[in-house]
Amino acid sequence: MDTARNRPLKIGLLTPTWENPAAGTVTRWNDVRERVLLAEALGFDSMWLVDHFLWRHPPEETFGFWDGWSMLSALADATSRVELGLLVACTSYRHPTVIARIADTIDEISDGRLILGIGAGWTETEFQALGAPYDHRASRFEEALTIIATLLREGAINFEGTYYQAREAELRPRGPRPNGPPIMVGATRDRMIQLAARHADNLNRDFGSISRADLASWQARTDAACAAVGRDPATLERTVAVAVDLPSAQGAMRQANLTGSPEELAESLRAIAAQGFTHAQIWLEPATLAGIEAFAPTLEILDRSS
């Protein structure tokens, strides 16, 4: 992986893998591959996909997604430098032993470039469509995280929980990293932050307000969670997902956190880095080849940061 840049934080790109009902279009695999390869060539540090299947929130029009893990596996082979991950995988959609196996396999394909992003999930209609239990999500996640972390770091586990069992489970063969890929937990609520402090390498603050006060509050709660489990807060990396609208953005599906000129975007991202965040995952609008190229000057400005 390229470590020569001098930017104050890593910049990742979230690439759409879903239908656009308003435009009547479908993002195809070749679209995803082309955008990711361009972003890699332009200097983004990481590439991110989502782990969703069906968006059904009336009165909005229903739309669907390609499977994130499948496309991430293909990107692991297509790319050569960037880190890769899902923002984030829901542990209730697959058994945790399967998630650990998939993660170690993609880490193998990518030669050690996977970041394993996981969370408890939140879209109730999607849980219903998949037949996944929606109750006690944090408790289910706690058991899943224990299984996944133990399998990746120790290679084996015997576990008998309330929601999951793993009897004499082993990861064989192993991927390129003896302890598996780093585990990133997506969390905003205190209990999930506490679980990340106990088990994760990286804590991600998903899309939401990125005001200085809100980010500082989240950081303070994270530091307190680390202290509560006897962990040095400096050992838990902090990352943040940011929605960015370029001047050419039209019909974006969400409220943007940032917009402006390349200089203004770079200054905002520097401010995020100054608050202790080491990596920002950008959901860019428009998420087209032209949009990715239009964001490139922001990367160049960040590279000149002292």
Foldseek 3Di string as FASTA:
>chain_A
DDPPFDFLFAEEEEFAFKDDVVVRDGQDLVQRLVLVVLLVVLPHAAYEYEAAAWDDDPPDDIIGGDHRLVSLLVVLQSDAGHAYAYQAHACQLDPLLVLLQSQQVSCQSNVRRYEHEYELDDRVVRCVVSVTDPPPSLVVVLQSLVVNQCCLQPFFDADDDPNDGDHGDGHPPGHNDSNGHFYEYEDDDLSSLLSCLVGGQEYEDEDDAPPPVSLLVSLVSNCVSNVVVPHHSVRYAYEYEFEEEEPPADPDPDDGNYYDALVRVLVVVVVVSVSRHRYYYYHYGVSGSVRSVRNSVNVVVSSPDD
